[in-house]
Amino acid sequence: MPKKMPITALFVDIGGVLLTNGWDHQARHRAAEHFALAYADMDERHRLIFDTYEVGKITLDAYLDLVVFHCKRPFTRAQFRKFMYAQSQPMPGMLQLVTRLKSRYHLKVFAVSNEGRELNAYRIEKFRLSSFVDGYISSCYLGVRKPDAALFRYALDISQVVPSQVIYLENTAMFIGIAQGLGIRGALHTDLDSTQAALAGYGLHDAGDNHV
């Protein structure tokens, strides 16, 4: 029987795995309530243009012009952007887990994520993601977004790792299935404990794991 190849890299989604989603429907609901906006209109405008923002074809200001500031508002663009940025928070224990695993197993770590450029830059700096992330396969840089399999092909090309030696941490089952179609193994993130258990099943035991 051929020897199983060791895991050498983690591909990690940012929103929903390392951090909360940067600007999902719950965040938009909170914004609508905070700024007294009509959510249905705001959400329809968001739906029509957000993909264009996430693939880097327009700026955040251009997005806001179309979704929020298409009419006079009693608040400033700076106030709204500050609120948007504040929606990003760490997912419980995940930054620490990936940092520990990278150090213990000398893993390459690449973020593979749908992110708008300005939100991506804020999240990278605010949460010091580059202290453990080796590169960013972000939709805003490459002009494609999940569920397009091209984003995962870019990740493999840029990271120069063999698909069977990669574990992909993701909170959306469909995206894991797409990555698996390229030979990348996946772990569906729902909470810290189940993700630790899933990674241990691939031989990546956390320092606090009783099975080490």
N, C-alpha and C. Protein backbone atom coordinates (compact mmCIF):
# COMPACT_ATOMS: atom_id res chain seq x y z
N MET A 1 0.85 -1.20 0.00
CA MET A 1 0.00 0.00 0.00
C MET A 1 0.88 1.24 0.00
N PRO A 2 0.61 2.21 -0.91
CA PRO A 2 1.43 3.42 -0.92
C PRO A 2 1.25 4.23 0.35
N LYS A 3 2.33 4.87 0.78
CA LYS A 3 2.29 5.68 1.99
C LYS A 3 1.48 6.96 1.75
N LYS A 4 0.58 7.29 2.68
CA LYS A 4 -0.22 8.49 2.56
C LYS A 4 0.67 9.72 2.68
N MET A 5 0.49 10.68 1.77
CA MET A 5 1.32 11.89 1.79
C MET A 5 0.90 12.78 2.95
N PRO A 6 1.87 13.40 3.63
CA PRO A 6 1.53 14.25 4.77
C PRO A 6 0.88 15.56 4.32
N ILE A 7 0.11 16.16 5.21
CA ILE A 7 -0.47 17.46 4.94
C ILE A 7 0.63 18.52 5.07
N THR A 8 0.76 19.34 4.04
CA THR A 8 1.78 20.39 4.06
C THR A 8 1.20 21.79 4.01
N ALA A 9 -0.10 21.92 3.76
CA ALA A 9 -0.69 23.24 3.62
C ALA A 9 -2.15 23.26 4.07
N LEU A 10 -2.55 24.41 4.57
CA LEU A 10 -3.95 24.69 4.85
C LEU A 10 -4.42 25.81 3.94
N PHE A 11 -5.54 25.59 3.27
CA PHE A 11 -6.27 26.67 2.61
C PHE A 11 -7.41 27.03 3.57
N VAL A 12 -7.55 28.29 3.89
CA VAL A 12 -8.49 28.70 4.93
C VAL A 12 -9.37 29.85 4.43
N ASP A 13 -10.67 29.67 4.53
CA ASP A 13 -11.57 30.78 4.26
C ASP A 13 -11.42 31.81 5.38
N ILE A 14 -11.64 33.07 5.06
CA ILE A 14 -11.57 34.11 6.10
C ILE A 14 -12.94 34.29 6.75
N GLY A 15 -13.93 34.74 5.98
CA GLY A 15 -15.25 34.98 6.54
C GLY A 15 -15.97 33.70 6.92
N GLY A 16 -16.31 33.57 8.18
CA GLY A 16 -17.01 32.38 8.66
C GLY A 16 -16.08 31.32 9.22
N VAL A 17 -14.77 31.50 9.06
CA VAL A 17 -13.80 30.53 9.59
C VAL A 17 -12.82 31.25 10.52
N LEU A 18 -12.00 32.14 9.97
CA LEU A 18 -11.08 32.90 10.82
C LEU A 18 -11.79 34.07 11.48
N LEU A 19 -12.59 34.77 10.71
CA LEU A 19 -13.32 35.93 11.19
C LEU A 19 -14.80 35.78 10.84
N THR A 20 -15.62 36.61 11.46
CA THR A 20 -17.02 36.66 11.03
C THR A 20 -17.08 37.15 9.60
N ASN A 21 -18.19 36.90 8.93
CA ASN A 21 -18.37 37.43 7.58
C ASN A 21 -18.32 38.96 7.65
N GLY A 22 -17.62 39.55 6.70
CA GLY A 22 -17.40 40.98 6.77
C GLY A 22 -18.64 41.82 6.53
N TRP A 23 -19.54 41.35 5.63
CA TRP A 23 -20.68 42.19 5.26
C TRP A 23 -21.81 41.31 4.76
N ASP A 24 -22.28 40.43 5.64
CA ASP A 24 -23.34 39.50 5.27
C ASP A 24 -24.71 40.12 5.57
N HIS A 25 -25.78 39.34 5.37
CA HIS A 25 -27.13 39.90 5.52
C HIS A 25 -27.40 40.33 6.96
N GLN A 26 -26.80 39.63 7.93
CA GLN A 26 -27.00 40.04 9.32
C GLN A 26 -26.34 41.39 9.60
N ALA A 27 -25.13 41.58 9.06
CA ALA A 27 -24.44 42.86 9.23
C ALA A 27 -25.23 43.98 8.54
N ARG A 28 -25.80 43.68 7.38
CA ARG A 28 -26.57 44.69 6.67
C ARG A 28 -27.87 45.03 7.40
N HIS A 29 -28.47 44.02 8.04
CA HIS A 29 -29.64 44.29 8.88
C HIS A 29 -29.28 45.24 10.02
N ARG A 30 -28.14 44.97 10.65
CA ARG A 30 -27.71 45.83 11.75
C ARG A 30 -27.45 47.25 11.25
N ALA A 31 -26.85 47.37 10.08
CA ALA A 31 -26.59 48.70 9.52
C ALA A 31 -27.90 49.42 9.22
N ALA A 32 -28.85 48.70 8.65
CA ALA A 32 -30.14 49.32 8.32
C ALA A 32 -30.83 49.84 9.57
N GLU A 33 -30.77 49.07 10.65
CA GLU A 33 -31.37 49.50 11.90
C GLU A 33 -30.61 50.68 12.49
N HIS A 34 -29.29 50.61 12.48
CA HIS A 34 -28.47 51.65 13.10
C HIS A 34 -28.62 52.99 12.38
N PHE A 35 -28.68 52.94 11.05
CA PHE A 35 -28.72 54.17 10.27
C PHE A 35 -30.13 54.50 9.74
N ALA A 36 -31.13 53.74 10.21
CA ALA A 36 -32.53 53.96 9.80
C ALA A 36 -32.69 53.93 8.28
N LEU A 37 -32.19 52.85 7.68
CA LEU A 37 -32.29 52.65 6.24
C LEU A 37 -33.39 51.65 5.92
N ALA A 38 -33.95 51.73 4.75
CA ALA A 38 -34.92 50.74 4.28
C ALA A 38 -34.14 49.49 3.85
N TYR A 39 -34.21 48.44 4.65
CA TYR A 39 -33.38 47.26 4.39
C TYR A 39 -33.67 46.63 3.04
N ALA A 40 -34.94 46.49 2.67
CA ALA A 40 -35.28 45.80 1.42
C ALA A 40 -34.63 46.49 0.22
N ASP A 41 -34.69 47.80 0.17
CA ASP A 41 -34.08 48.55 -0.93
C ASP A 41 -32.56 48.41 -0.90
N MET A 42 -31.99 48.56 0.29
CA MET A 42 -30.54 48.43 0.44
C MET A 42 -30.07 47.04 0.02
N ASP A 43 -30.81 46.02 0.44
CA ASP A 43 -30.39 44.65 0.14
C ASP A 43 -30.51 44.34 -1.35
N GLU A 44 -31.54 44.84 -2.00
CA GLU A 44 -31.68 44.63 -3.44
C GLU A 44 -30.54 45.30 -4.19
N ARG A 45 -30.20 46.50 -3.81
CA ARG A 45 -29.08 47.19 -4.44
C ARG A 45 -27.78 46.43 -4.19
N HIS A 46 -27.60 45.97 -2.96
CA HIS A 46 -26.42 45.16 -2.62
C HIS A 46 -26.33 43.92 -3.50
N ARG A 47 -27.44 43.23 -3.63
CA ARG A 47 -27.46 41.97 -4.39
C ARG A 47 -27.03 42.20 -5.84
N LEU A 48 -27.42 43.32 -6.39
CA LEU A 48 -27.13 43.59 -7.80
C LEU A 48 -25.66 43.95 -8.05
N ILE A 49 -24.96 44.47 -7.05
CA ILE A 49 -23.62 45.01 -7.31
C ILE A 49 -22.50 44.37 -6.49
N PHE A 50 -22.82 43.63 -5.43
CA PHE A 50 -21.75 43.21 -4.52
C PHE A 50 -20.76 42.25 -5.16
N ASP A 51 -21.22 41.36 -6.01
CA ASP A 51 -20.28 40.46 -6.69
C ASP A 51 -19.25 41.25 -7.49
N THR A 52 -19.70 42.34 -8.10
CA THR A 52 -18.79 43.19 -8.88
C THR A 52 -17.73 43.80 -7.98
N TYR A 53 -18.14 44.19 -6.77
CA TYR A 53 -17.17 44.71 -5.80
C TYR A 53 -16.19 43.63 -5.37
N GLU A 54 -16.70 42.42 -5.08
CA GLU A 54 -15.83 41.37 -4.57
C GLU A 54 -14.80 40.89 -5.59
N VAL A 55 -15.05 41.06 -6.87
CA VAL A 55 -14.04 40.66 -7.85
C VAL A 55 -13.15 41.83 -8.25
N GLY A 56 -13.24 42.93 -7.50
CA GLY A 56 -12.30 44.02 -7.66
C GLY A 56 -12.56 44.97 -8.81
N LYS A 57 -13.77 44.97 -9.35
CA LYS A 57 -14.05 45.82 -10.51
C LYS A 57 -14.52 47.22 -10.12
N ILE A 58 -14.97 47.38 -8.87
CA ILE A 58 -15.31 48.71 -8.37
C ILE A 58 -14.74 48.86 -6.97
N THR A 59 -14.62 50.09 -6.51
CA THR A 59 -14.12 50.38 -5.18
C THR A 59 -15.25 50.30 -4.15
N LEU A 60 -14.87 50.31 -2.89
CA LEU A 60 -15.88 50.33 -1.83
C LEU A 60 -16.70 51.62 -1.91
N ASP A 61 -16.06 52.74 -2.22
CA ASP A 61 -16.81 53.99 -2.34
C ASP A 61 -17.85 53.91 -3.46
N ALA A 62 -17.47 53.28 -4.58
CA ALA A 62 -18.42 53.13 -5.68
C ALA A 62 -19.58 52.23 -5.27
N TYR A 63 -19.29 51.17 -4.54
CA TYR A 63 -20.33 50.30 -4.00
C TYR A 63 -21.28 51.09 -3.10
N LEU A 64 -20.72 51.88 -2.19
CA LEU A 64 -21.54 52.65 -1.27
C LEU A 64 -22.36 53.71 -2.00
N ASP A 65 -21.81 54.29 -3.05
CA ASP A 65 -22.57 55.26 -3.85
C ASP A 65 -23.86 54.64 -4.38
N LEU A 66 -23.79 53.39 -4.80
CA LEU A 66 -24.93 52.72 -5.41
C LEU A 66 -25.89 52.13 -4.38
N VAL A 67 -25.37 51.71 -3.24
CA VAL A 67 -26.19 50.97 -2.28
C VAL A 67 -26.73 51.85 -1.16
N VAL A 68 -25.95 52.84 -0.72
CA VAL A 68 -26.34 53.66 0.43
C VAL A 68 -26.48 55.14 0.08
N PHE A 69 -25.49 55.69 -0.61
CA PHE A 69 -25.43 57.14 -0.79
C PHE A 69 -25.95 57.58 -2.17
N HIS A 70 -26.95 56.87 -2.67
CA HIS A 70 -27.60 57.27 -3.92
C HIS A 70 -28.59 58.40 -3.67
N CYS A 71 -28.79 58.73 -2.38
CA CYS A 71 -29.59 59.90 -2.02
C CYS A 71 -28.97 60.52 -0.77
N LYS A 72 -29.39 61.71 -0.41
CA LYS A 72 -28.79 62.43 0.71
C LYS A 72 -29.05 61.68 2.01
N ARG A 73 -28.02 61.58 2.86
CA ARG A 73 -28.13 60.87 4.13
C ARG A 73 -27.72 61.78 5.29
N PRO A 74 -28.27 61.54 6.49
CA PRO A 74 -27.90 62.37 7.64
C PRO A 74 -26.64 61.88 8.35
N PHE A 75 -25.90 60.99 7.72
CA PHE A 75 -24.65 60.47 8.26
C PHE A 75 -23.61 60.50 7.16
N THR A 76 -22.35 60.38 7.55
CA THR A 76 -21.27 60.50 6.58
C THR A 76 -20.82 59.14 6.07
N ARG A 77 -20.12 59.17 4.97
CA ARG A 77 -19.53 57.95 4.41
C ARG A 77 -18.55 57.35 5.42
N ALA A 78 -17.78 58.21 6.09
CA ALA A 78 -16.80 57.72 7.06
C ALA A 78 -17.49 56.99 8.21
N GLN A 79 -18.63 57.51 8.66
CA GLN A 79 -19.38 56.85 9.73
C GLN A 79 -19.88 55.49 9.29
N PHE A 80 -20.34 55.40 8.05
CA PHE A 80 -20.87 54.13 7.57
C PHE A 80 -19.75 53.11 7.38
N ARG A 81 -18.63 53.56 6.82
CA ARG A 81 -17.50 52.64 6.64
C ARG A 81 -17.01 52.12 7.99
N LYS A 82 -16.95 52.99 8.98
CA LYS A 82 -16.52 52.57 10.32
C LYS A 82 -17.43 51.48 10.86
N PHE A 83 -18.73 51.64 10.65
CA PHE A 83 -19.69 50.63 11.09
C PHE A 83 -19.47 49.32 10.34
N MET A 84 -19.26 49.41 9.03
CA MET A 84 -19.00 48.20 8.24
C MET A 84 -17.79 47.44 8.78
N TYR A 85 -16.71 48.15 9.00
CA TYR A 85 -15.48 47.51 9.46
C TYR A 85 -15.66 46.86 10.83
N ALA A 86 -16.47 47.50 11.67
CA ALA A 86 -16.66 46.98 13.03
C ALA A 86 -17.42 45.66 13.07
N GLN A 87 -18.04 45.27 11.95
CA GLN A 87 -18.76 43.98 11.91
C GLN A 87 -17.80 42.80 11.90
N SER A 88 -16.55 43.03 11.56
CA SER A 88 -15.56 41.94 11.52
C SER A 88 -15.03 41.66 12.93
N GLN A 89 -15.19 40.42 13.36
CA GLN A 89 -14.70 39.98 14.67
C GLN A 89 -14.07 38.59 14.52
N PRO A 90 -13.15 38.21 15.41
CA PRO A 90 -12.54 36.88 15.31
C PRO A 90 -13.55 35.78 15.61
N MET A 91 -13.46 34.68 14.89
CA MET A 91 -14.23 33.49 15.24
C MET A 91 -13.56 32.82 16.43
N PRO A 92 -14.34 32.30 17.38
CA PRO A 92 -13.76 31.79 18.63
C PRO A 92 -12.65 30.76 18.41
N GLY A 93 -11.45 31.11 18.85
CA GLY A 93 -10.32 30.19 18.88
C GLY A 93 -9.65 29.88 17.57
N MET A 94 -10.19 30.35 16.44
CA MET A 94 -9.68 29.89 15.15
C MET A 94 -8.35 30.53 14.76
N LEU A 95 -8.14 31.79 15.06
CA LEU A 95 -6.85 32.41 14.74
C LEU A 95 -5.74 31.70 15.50
N GLN A 96 -6.01 31.39 16.76
CA GLN A 96 -5.01 30.72 17.58
C GLN A 96 -4.77 29.28 17.11
N LEU A 97 -5.84 28.58 16.73
CA LEU A 97 -5.70 27.20 16.26
C LEU A 97 -4.82 27.12 15.02
N VAL A 98 -5.12 27.93 14.03
CA VAL A 98 -4.35 27.87 12.79
C VAL A 98 -2.90 28.29 13.04
N THR A 99 -2.68 29.26 13.91
CA THR A 99 -1.32 29.68 14.26
C THR A 99 -0.56 28.53 14.90
N ARG A 100 -1.18 27.83 15.82
CA ARG A 100 -0.51 26.70 16.49
C ARG A 100 -0.19 25.57 15.52
N LEU A 101 -1.16 25.24 14.65
CA LEU A 101 -0.94 24.15 13.70
C LEU A 101 0.16 24.51 12.70
N LYS A 102 0.18 25.74 12.25
CA LYS A 102 1.23 26.18 11.32
C LYS A 102 2.61 25.99 11.96
N SER A 103 2.74 26.42 13.21
CA SER A 103 4.02 26.31 13.89
C SER A 103 4.40 24.86 14.15
N ARG A 104 3.45 24.07 14.59
CA ARG A 104 3.75 22.69 14.99
C ARG A 104 4.10 21.81 13.80
N TYR A 105 3.40 22.00 12.67
CA TYR A 105 3.59 21.12 11.52
C TYR A 105 4.29 21.81 10.35
N HIS A 106 4.75 23.03 10.56
CA HIS A 106 5.47 23.79 9.53
C HIS A 106 4.64 23.86 8.24
N LEU A 107 3.39 24.23 8.41
CA LEU A 107 2.46 24.28 7.29
C LEU A 107 2.55 25.60 6.53
N LYS A 108 2.27 25.54 5.25
CA LYS A 108 1.95 26.75 4.50
C LYS A 108 0.47 27.05 4.75
N VAL A 109 0.14 28.32 4.91
CA VAL A 109 -1.25 28.72 5.13
C VAL A 109 -1.61 29.78 4.10
N PHE A 110 -2.67 29.50 3.33
CA PHE A 110 -3.15 30.45 2.32
C PHE A 110 -4.64 30.72 2.56
N ALA A 111 -4.98 32.01 2.61
CA ALA A 111 -6.38 32.39 2.72
C ALA A 111 -7.01 32.34 1.33
N VAL A 112 -8.10 31.60 1.20
CA VAL A 112 -8.82 31.48 -0.07
C VAL A 112 -10.23 32.00 0.18
N SER A 113 -10.51 33.21 -0.29
CA SER A 113 -11.69 33.89 0.21
C SER A 113 -12.30 34.86 -0.79
N ASN A 114 -13.62 35.00 -0.74
CA ASN A 114 -14.30 36.07 -1.44
C ASN A 114 -14.24 37.31 -0.56
N GLU A 115 -13.47 38.30 -0.98
CA GLU A 115 -13.29 39.51 -0.18
C GLU A 115 -13.21 40.72 -1.09
N GLY A 116 -13.89 41.81 -0.71
CA GLY A 116 -13.69 43.09 -1.37
C GLY A 116 -12.37 43.69 -0.93
N ARG A 117 -11.74 44.48 -1.79
CA ARG A 117 -10.37 44.93 -1.54
C ARG A 117 -10.21 45.71 -0.23
N GLU A 118 -11.05 46.70 0.00
CA GLU A 118 -10.88 47.53 1.19
C GLU A 118 -11.19 46.75 2.47
N LEU A 119 -12.24 45.94 2.43
CA LEU A 119 -12.55 45.11 3.59
C LEU A 119 -11.45 44.09 3.84
N ASN A 120 -10.92 43.52 2.78
CA ASN A 120 -9.83 42.55 2.90
C ASN A 120 -8.62 43.21 3.57
N ALA A 121 -8.25 44.39 3.09
CA ALA A 121 -7.08 45.08 3.64
C ALA A 121 -7.29 45.41 5.12
N TYR A 122 -8.49 45.87 5.46
CA TYR A 122 -8.77 46.19 6.86
C TYR A 122 -8.66 44.94 7.74
N ARG A 123 -9.22 43.84 7.30
CA ARG A 123 -9.25 42.62 8.10
C ARG A 123 -7.83 42.04 8.26
N ILE A 124 -7.05 42.10 7.20
CA ILE A 124 -5.67 41.61 7.29
C ILE A 124 -4.88 42.39 8.32
N GLU A 125 -5.01 43.72 8.28
CA GLU A 125 -4.25 44.56 9.21
C GLU A 125 -4.79 44.49 10.63
N LYS A 126 -6.10 44.63 10.78
CA LYS A 126 -6.72 44.67 12.11
C LYS A 126 -6.44 43.41 12.91
N PHE A 127 -6.52 42.26 12.27
CA PHE A 127 -6.39 40.99 12.98
C PHE A 127 -5.03 40.32 12.76
N ARG A 128 -4.10 41.08 12.19
CA ARG A 128 -2.71 40.63 12.01
C ARG A 128 -2.66 39.25 11.33
N LEU A 129 -3.45 39.08 10.30
CA LEU A 129 -3.52 37.79 9.63
C LEU A 129 -2.18 37.38 9.02
N SER A 130 -1.39 38.36 8.61
CA SER A 130 -0.11 38.03 7.96
C SER A 130 0.92 37.48 8.95
N SER A 131 0.58 37.45 10.24
CA SER A 131 1.48 36.81 11.20
C SER A 131 1.50 35.30 11.01
N PHE A 132 0.47 34.76 10.32
CA PHE A 132 0.49 33.31 10.06
C PHE A 132 0.04 32.94 8.64
N VAL A 133 -0.55 33.86 7.91
CA VAL A 133 -0.98 33.59 6.53
C VAL A 133 0.15 33.93 5.57
N ASP A 134 0.47 32.98 4.70
CA ASP A 134 1.58 33.15 3.75
C ASP A 134 1.16 33.86 2.47
N GLY A 135 -0.13 33.84 2.14
CA GLY A 135 -0.58 34.50 0.93
C GLY A 135 -2.09 34.54 0.88
N TYR A 136 -2.61 35.45 0.05
CA TYR A 136 -4.05 35.71 -0.01
C TYR A 136 -4.56 35.44 -1.42
N ILE A 137 -5.36 34.40 -1.54
CA ILE A 137 -6.02 34.07 -2.81
C ILE A 137 -7.41 34.69 -2.71
N SER A 138 -7.45 36.00 -2.87
CA SER A 138 -8.67 36.77 -2.64
C SER A 138 -9.34 37.11 -3.96
N SER A 139 -10.66 37.03 -3.97
CA SER A 139 -11.41 37.31 -5.19
C SER A 139 -11.10 38.69 -5.75
N CYS A 140 -10.87 39.67 -4.87
CA CYS A 140 -10.64 41.03 -5.33
C CYS A 140 -9.31 41.19 -6.05
N TYR A 141 -8.36 40.30 -5.81
CA TYR A 141 -7.06 40.36 -6.47
C TYR A 141 -7.06 39.61 -7.80
N LEU A 142 -7.87 38.55 -7.89
CA LEU A 142 -7.78 37.64 -9.03
C LEU A 142 -8.95 37.74 -9.99
N GLY A 143 -9.98 38.48 -9.62
CA GLY A 143 -11.10 38.70 -10.53
C GLY A 143 -12.05 37.54 -10.68
N VAL A 144 -11.95 36.55 -9.81
CA VAL A 144 -12.90 35.43 -9.78
C VAL A 144 -13.27 35.18 -8.33
N ARG A 145 -14.44 34.63 -8.12
CA ARG A 145 -14.90 34.38 -6.75
C ARG A 145 -15.52 33.00 -6.66
N LYS A 146 -15.46 32.42 -5.47
CA LYS A 146 -16.19 31.18 -5.24
C LYS A 146 -17.66 31.42 -5.52
N PRO A 147 -18.32 30.47 -6.19
CA PRO A 147 -17.98 29.06 -6.39
C PRO A 147 -17.15 28.73 -7.63
N ASP A 148 -16.56 29.69 -8.30
CA ASP A 148 -15.74 29.41 -9.48
C ASP A 148 -14.51 28.59 -9.06
N ALA A 149 -14.35 27.40 -9.64
CA ALA A 149 -13.22 26.54 -9.30
C ALA A 149 -11.88 27.17 -9.65
N ALA A 150 -11.90 28.20 -10.52
CA ALA A 150 -10.65 28.86 -10.90
C ALA A 150 -9.94 29.44 -9.69
N LEU A 151 -10.68 29.87 -8.66
CA LEU A 151 -10.03 30.44 -7.48
C LEU A 151 -9.18 29.38 -6.78
N PHE A 152 -9.65 28.15 -6.76
CA PHE A 152 -8.88 27.07 -6.14
C PHE A 152 -7.69 26.67 -7.02
N ARG A 153 -7.86 26.74 -8.33
CA ARG A 153 -6.73 26.46 -9.21
C ARG A 153 -5.64 27.51 -9.02
N TYR A 154 -6.04 28.78 -8.88
CA TYR A 154 -5.06 29.83 -8.57
C TYR A 154 -4.35 29.52 -7.26
N ALA A 155 -5.11 29.07 -6.27
CA ALA A 155 -4.52 28.77 -4.96
C ALA A 155 -3.46 27.68 -5.08
N LEU A 156 -3.75 26.65 -5.85
CA LEU A 156 -2.78 25.57 -6.04
C LEU A 156 -1.55 26.07 -6.81
N ASP A 157 -1.77 26.86 -7.84
CA ASP A 157 -0.66 27.37 -8.64
C ASP A 157 0.24 28.29 -7.81
N ILE A 158 -0.38 29.18 -7.06
CA ILE A 158 0.40 30.16 -6.30
C ILE A 158 1.11 29.52 -5.12
N SER A 159 0.43 28.60 -4.45
CA SER A 159 1.04 27.95 -3.28
C SER A 159 2.05 26.88 -3.65
N GLN A 160 1.91 26.33 -4.87
CA GLN A 160 2.79 25.26 -5.33
C GLN A 160 2.78 24.07 -4.37
N VAL A 161 1.56 23.65 -4.01
CA VAL A 161 1.40 22.46 -3.19
C VAL A 161 0.58 21.44 -3.97
N VAL A 162 0.78 20.18 -3.64
CA VAL A 162 0.04 19.08 -4.27
C VAL A 162 -1.36 19.04 -3.66
N PRO A 163 -2.42 18.94 -4.47
CA PRO A 163 -3.78 18.98 -3.93
C PRO A 163 -4.02 18.01 -2.78
N SER A 164 -3.49 16.80 -2.88
CA SER A 164 -3.74 15.79 -1.84
C SER A 164 -3.05 16.11 -0.53
N GLN A 165 -2.18 17.11 -0.53
CA GLN A 165 -1.49 17.51 0.69
C GLN A 165 -2.08 18.77 1.32
N VAL A 166 -3.26 19.15 0.83
CA VAL A 166 -3.93 20.35 1.32
C VAL A 166 -5.21 19.99 2.06
N ILE A 167 -5.45 20.68 3.18
CA ILE A 167 -6.76 20.65 3.83
C ILE A 167 -7.36 22.03 3.69
N TYR A 168 -8.61 22.09 3.26
CA TYR A 168 -9.31 23.35 3.07
C TYR A 168 -10.35 23.53 4.17
N LEU A 169 -10.20 24.58 4.98
CA LEU A 169 -11.16 24.89 6.04
C LEU A 169 -12.17 25.91 5.49
N GLU A 170 -13.43 25.53 5.51
CA GLU A 170 -14.48 26.34 4.87
C GLU A 170 -15.79 26.10 5.61
N ASN A 171 -16.65 27.12 5.68
CA ASN A 171 -17.93 26.96 6.37
C ASN A 171 -19.10 26.75 5.41
N THR A 172 -18.83 26.64 4.11
CA THR A 172 -19.87 26.39 3.11
C THR A 172 -19.60 25.06 2.42
N ALA A 173 -20.51 24.10 2.60
CA ALA A 173 -20.29 22.75 2.11
C ALA A 173 -20.10 22.72 0.59
N MET A 174 -20.85 23.54 -0.16
CA MET A 174 -20.72 23.54 -1.61
C MET A 174 -19.29 23.85 -2.04
N PHE A 175 -18.66 24.81 -1.38
CA PHE A 175 -17.32 25.21 -1.77
C PHE A 175 -16.30 24.11 -1.47
N ILE A 176 -16.53 23.38 -0.39
CA ILE A 176 -15.67 22.22 -0.11
C ILE A 176 -15.81 21.19 -1.22
N GLY A 177 -17.02 20.97 -1.68
CA GLY A 177 -17.24 20.02 -2.76
C GLY A 177 -16.51 20.42 -4.03
N ILE A 178 -16.50 21.70 -4.34
CA ILE A 178 -15.80 22.18 -5.53
C ILE A 178 -14.30 21.97 -5.38
N ALA A 179 -13.76 22.27 -4.21
CA ALA A 179 -12.33 22.04 -3.96
C ALA A 179 -11.99 20.55 -4.04
N GLN A 180 -12.88 19.72 -3.54
CA GLN A 180 -12.64 18.28 -3.59
C GLN A 180 -12.57 17.77 -5.03
N GLY A 181 -13.29 18.45 -5.92
CA GLY A 181 -13.23 18.09 -7.33
C GLY A 181 -11.85 18.28 -7.93
N LEU A 182 -11.02 19.09 -7.27
CA LEU A 182 -9.64 19.30 -7.71
C LEU A 182 -8.65 18.47 -6.90
N GLY A 183 -9.17 17.60 -6.04
CA GLY A 183 -8.30 16.73 -5.25
C GLY A 183 -7.91 17.29 -3.90
N ILE A 184 -8.51 18.42 -3.51
CA ILE A 184 -8.23 19.04 -2.22
C ILE A 184 -9.18 18.47 -1.18
N ARG A 185 -8.65 18.03 -0.06
CA ARG A 185 -9.51 17.53 1.00
C ARG A 185 -10.04 18.70 1.84
N GLY A 186 -11.23 18.53 2.41
CA GLY A 186 -11.85 19.64 3.11
C GLY A 186 -12.32 19.29 4.50
N ALA A 187 -12.48 20.34 5.32
CA ALA A 187 -13.06 20.20 6.66
C ALA A 187 -14.09 21.33 6.80
N LEU A 188 -15.34 20.95 7.03
CA LEU A 188 -16.41 21.93 7.16
C LEU A 188 -16.39 22.52 8.56
N HIS A 189 -16.18 23.83 8.63
CA HIS A 189 -16.10 24.49 9.94
C HIS A 189 -17.48 24.89 10.42
N THR A 190 -17.83 24.40 11.61
CA THR A 190 -19.03 24.88 12.29
C THR A 190 -18.69 25.46 13.66
N ASP A 191 -17.70 24.87 14.33
CA ASP A 191 -17.23 25.39 15.61
C ASP A 191 -15.82 24.88 15.85
N LEU A 192 -15.17 25.42 16.85
CA LEU A 192 -13.77 25.10 17.12
C LEU A 192 -13.56 23.62 17.40
N ASP A 193 -14.38 23.04 18.27
CA ASP A 193 -14.17 21.65 18.68
C ASP A 193 -14.29 20.68 17.51
N SER A 194 -15.32 20.85 16.68
CA SER A 194 -15.50 19.92 15.56
C SER A 194 -14.40 20.10 14.52
N THR A 195 -13.91 21.31 14.36
CA THR A 195 -12.82 21.54 13.41
C THR A 195 -11.52 20.93 13.93
N GLN A 196 -11.26 21.06 15.22
CA GLN A 196 -10.09 20.39 15.80
C GLN A 196 -10.16 18.89 15.58
N ALA A 197 -11.34 18.31 15.77
CA ALA A 197 -11.51 16.87 15.59
C ALA A 197 -11.31 16.48 14.13
N ALA A 198 -11.86 17.28 13.20
CA ALA A 198 -11.70 16.98 11.78
C ALA A 198 -10.24 17.04 11.36
N LEU A 199 -9.54 18.03 11.83
CA LEU A 199 -8.11 18.17 11.48
C LEU A 199 -7.30 17.04 12.10
N ALA A 200 -7.65 16.64 13.32
CA ALA A 200 -6.95 15.52 13.95
C ALA A 200 -7.11 14.25 13.12
N GLY A 201 -8.27 14.12 12.48
CA GLY A 201 -8.50 12.97 11.61
C GLY A 201 -7.57 12.94 10.42
N TYR A 202 -7.04 14.09 10.04
CA TYR A 202 -6.06 14.18 8.96
C TYR A 202 -4.63 14.17 9.49
N GLY A 203 -4.48 13.97 10.80
CA GLY A 203 -3.13 13.91 11.39
C GLY A 203 -2.62 15.22 11.93
N LEU A 204 -3.46 16.26 11.91
CA LEU A 204 -3.05 17.56 12.43
C LEU A 204 -3.66 17.76 13.81
N HIS A 205 -2.94 17.32 14.83
CA HIS A 205 -3.43 17.40 16.20
C HIS A 205 -3.02 18.72 16.83
N ASP A 206 -3.98 19.37 17.44
CA ASP A 206 -3.69 20.61 18.15
C ASP A 206 -2.89 20.29 19.40
N ALA A 207 -2.15 21.27 19.89
CA ALA A 207 -1.30 21.08 21.07
C ALA A 207 -2.13 20.68 22.29
N GLY A 208 -3.39 21.10 22.33
CA GLY A 208 -4.23 20.77 23.46
C GLY A 208 -5.05 19.52 23.27
N ASP A 209 -4.86 18.83 22.15
CA ASP A 209 -5.65 17.63 21.85
C ASP A 209 -5.20 16.46 22.71
N ASN A 210 -6.13 15.81 23.37
CA ASN A 210 -5.78 14.68 24.26
C ASN A 210 -5.25 13.49 23.50
N HIS A 211 -5.45 13.46 22.16
CA HIS A 211 -4.99 12.31 21.39
C HIS A 211 -3.56 12.45 20.90
N VAL A 212 -2.91 13.59 21.20
CA VAL A 212 -1.54 13.80 20.73
C VAL A 212 -0.62 12.81 21.41
